Amino acid sequence: MAKKKPESKDQPVSLTQPPAGYAEWLGELKNRIHKAQQRATLAVNRELVRLYWQIGRDILARQAQQGWGAKIIDRLAHDLRNAFPEMKGFSRANLIYMRAFAKAWPDEQIVQQAVGQLPWGHNLVLLTRLKEPEQRLAYARAFADEPADR
């Protein structure tokens, strides 16, 4: 004669009583996962802002060598969109913003610190609305000093 299985084995796991301490452990895991996701997002943002700054710096250098008439931004926008069709951010307008961003922040250290903590869109707002570098830097530093749970 076959042994009868306990009823809890027949129930879906969502209907069974979790073991003691499980809810606390699950809460801790969720918190760690959420914090890791935030750190990853911030790291990706820093790299993207740094890349955009480098592209802007390179555009400035090319334009200094070849002049505005070389249509560097138009050609670059076309070629980058063809090379990376799945990526956004390589429009003519965004390349012009990258150039302006690099011109506004010529010191790479600033970009790696306070300004690099800001999302790209926030950097564009600072760039277009605040003309004084000291004001932009003050806002960037204030944002960078906020807790990471933005």
Protein backbone atom coordinates (compact mmCIF):
# COMPACT_ATOMS: atom_id res chain seq x y z
CA MET A 1 0.00 0.00 0.00
CA ALA A 2 1.36 3.41 -0.97
CA LYS A 3 1.95 5.99 1.69
CA LYS A 4 -0.30 9.02 1.60
CA LYS A 5 1.61 12.27 0.97
CA PRO A 6 1.16 15.13 3.39
CA GLU A 7 -1.36 17.63 2.09
CA SER A 8 1.16 20.51 2.00
CA LYS A 9 3.02 18.71 -0.80
CA ASP A 10 -0.11 18.78 -2.94
CA GLN A 11 -0.68 22.51 -2.49
CA PRO A 12 0.99 25.17 -4.60
CA VAL A 13 3.96 26.73 -2.82
CA SER A 14 2.15 30.08 -2.69
CA LEU A 15 -0.52 28.52 -0.43
CA THR A 16 1.84 26.84 2.01
CA GLN A 17 3.09 28.39 5.21
CA PRO A 18 6.69 29.63 4.77
CA PRO A 19 9.30 28.50 7.28
CA ALA A 20 10.16 30.67 10.26
CA GLY A 21 12.28 33.69 9.32
CA TYR A 22 11.59 33.31 5.61
CA ALA A 23 9.73 36.62 5.24
CA GLU A 24 12.61 38.55 6.82
CA TRP A 25 15.16 36.78 4.65
CA LEU A 26 13.11 37.43 1.52
CA GLY A 27 12.84 41.11 2.45
CA GLU A 28 16.61 41.34 2.89
CA LEU A 29 17.19 39.67 -0.49
CA LYS A 30 14.77 42.01 -2.23
CA ASN A 31 16.54 44.98 -0.67
CA ARG A 32 19.96 43.73 -1.80
CA ILE A 33 18.67 43.08 -5.31
CA HIS A 34 17.15 46.55 -5.49
CA LYS A 35 20.38 48.20 -4.30
CA ALA A 36 22.45 46.18 -6.78
CA GLN A 37 20.13 47.28 -9.58
CA GLN A 38 20.57 50.91 -8.53
CA ARG A 39 24.36 50.59 -8.44
CA ALA A 40 24.36 48.98 -11.88
CA THR A 41 22.16 51.75 -13.30
CA LEU A 42 24.42 54.43 -11.86
CA ALA A 43 27.52 52.69 -13.26
CA VAL A 44 25.97 52.48 -16.72
CA ASN A 45 24.99 56.15 -16.50
CA ARG A 46 28.54 57.20 -15.51
CA GLU A 47 30.00 55.31 -18.46
CA LEU A 48 27.46 56.75 -20.88
CA VAL A 49 28.07 60.34 -19.71
CA ARG A 50 31.83 59.77 -19.94
CA LEU A 51 31.45 58.35 -23.46
CA TYR A 52 29.31 61.32 -24.53
CA TRP A 53 31.91 63.71 -23.11
CA GLN A 54 34.69 61.91 -25.00
CA ILE A 55 32.72 62.01 -28.25
CA GLY A 56 32.08 65.73 -27.71
CA ARG A 57 35.77 66.35 -27.02
CA ASP A 58 36.69 64.45 -30.20
CA ILE A 59 34.19 66.48 -32.22
CA LEU A 60 35.70 69.71 -30.87
CA ALA A 61 39.19 68.54 -31.84
CA ARG A 62 38.12 67.49 -35.34
CA GLN A 63 36.31 70.74 -35.93
CA ALA A 64 39.37 72.66 -34.78
CA GLN A 65 41.45 70.74 -37.34
CA GLN A 66 38.98 70.58 -40.23
CA GLY A 67 36.58 73.47 -39.62
CA TRP A 68 32.79 73.61 -39.46
CA GLY A 69 32.46 73.19 -43.22
CA ALA A 70 33.64 69.60 -42.97
CA LYS A 71 30.15 68.57 -41.75
CA ILE A 72 31.72 66.39 -39.08
CA ILE A 73 28.57 66.17 -36.95
CA ASP A 74 26.28 65.31 -39.86
CA ARG A 75 28.62 62.62 -41.17
CA LEU A 76 29.24 61.20 -37.68
CA ALA A 77 25.52 61.07 -36.86
CA HIS A 78 24.86 59.18 -40.08
CA ASP A 79 27.74 56.75 -39.63
CA LEU A 80 27.10 56.03 -35.94
CA ARG A 81 23.39 55.40 -36.50
CA ASN A 82 24.28 52.97 -39.29
CA ALA A 83 26.90 51.23 -37.15
CA PHE A 84 24.65 51.03 -34.07
CA PRO A 85 21.03 50.99 -35.30
CA GLU A 86 19.75 49.52 -32.02
CA MET A 87 21.20 52.38 -29.95
CA LYS A 88 19.64 55.76 -29.38
CA GLY A 89 21.63 58.91 -28.73
CA PHE A 90 23.57 59.40 -31.94
CA SER A 91 21.29 61.91 -33.60
CA ARG A 92 22.72 65.13 -35.00
CA ALA A 93 21.06 67.08 -32.17
CA ASN A 94 22.54 64.83 -29.48
CA LEU A 95 26.01 65.03 -31.03
CA ILE A 96 25.72 68.82 -30.90
CA TYR A 97 24.82 68.48 -27.21
CA MET A 98 27.85 66.22 -26.69
CA ARG A 99 30.04 68.89 -28.26
CA ALA A 100 28.51 71.59 -26.05
CA PHE A 101 28.87 69.34 -23.00
CA ALA A 102 32.59 68.80 -23.63
CA LYS A 103 33.08 72.50 -24.26
CA ALA A 104 31.24 73.42 -21.04
CA TRP A 105 33.23 70.87 -18.99
CA PRO A 106 36.75 70.80 -20.44
CA ASP A 107 38.16 69.09 -17.31
CA GLU A 108 37.62 65.33 -17.44
CA GLN A 109 37.95 65.09 -13.65
CA ILE A 110 34.71 67.05 -13.20
CA VAL A 111 32.96 64.70 -15.61
CA GLN A 112 34.20 61.68 -13.68
CA GLN A 113 33.00 63.14 -10.40
CA ALA A 114 29.90 65.30 -9.88
CA VAL A 115 28.72 65.70 -13.46
CA GLY A 116 29.15 62.00 -14.19
CA GLN A 117 26.62 61.20 -11.46
CA LEU A 118 23.85 63.04 -13.30
CA PRO A 119 21.71 61.34 -15.93
CA TRP A 120 22.36 62.66 -19.44
CA GLY A 121 19.02 64.48 -19.54
CA HIS A 122 19.82 66.31 -16.30
CA ASN A 123 23.16 67.38 -17.73
CA LEU A 124 21.39 68.80 -20.76
CA VAL A 125 19.00 70.76 -18.55
CA LEU A 126 21.92 72.25 -16.62
CA LEU A 127 23.74 73.00 -19.85
CA THR A 128 20.82 74.76 -21.51
CA ARG A 129 19.38 76.59 -18.50
CA LEU A 130 22.44 77.66 -16.52
CA LYS A 131 25.08 79.63 -18.38
CA GLU A 132 27.49 80.05 -15.46
CA PRO A 133 29.81 77.05 -14.95
CA GLU A 134 29.86 77.62 -11.18
CA GLN A 135 26.06 77.31 -11.00
CA ARG A 136 26.05 74.14 -13.08
CA LEU A 137 28.76 72.61 -10.93
CA ALA A 138 26.96 73.54 -7.70
CA TYR A 139 23.77 71.82 -8.90
CA ALA A 140 25.72 68.77 -10.09
CA ARG A 141 27.52 68.46 -6.75
CA ALA A 142 24.27 68.87 -4.81
CA PHE A 143 22.71 66.05 -6.85
CA ALA A 144 25.79 63.83 -6.44
CA ASP A 145 25.63 64.32 -2.66
CA GLU A 146 22.00 63.11 -2.47
CA PRO A 147 21.36 59.54 -1.32
CA ALA A 148 21.59 56.90 -4.03
CA ASP A 149 17.89 55.94 -3.80
CA ARG A 150 16.82 58.53 -6.38
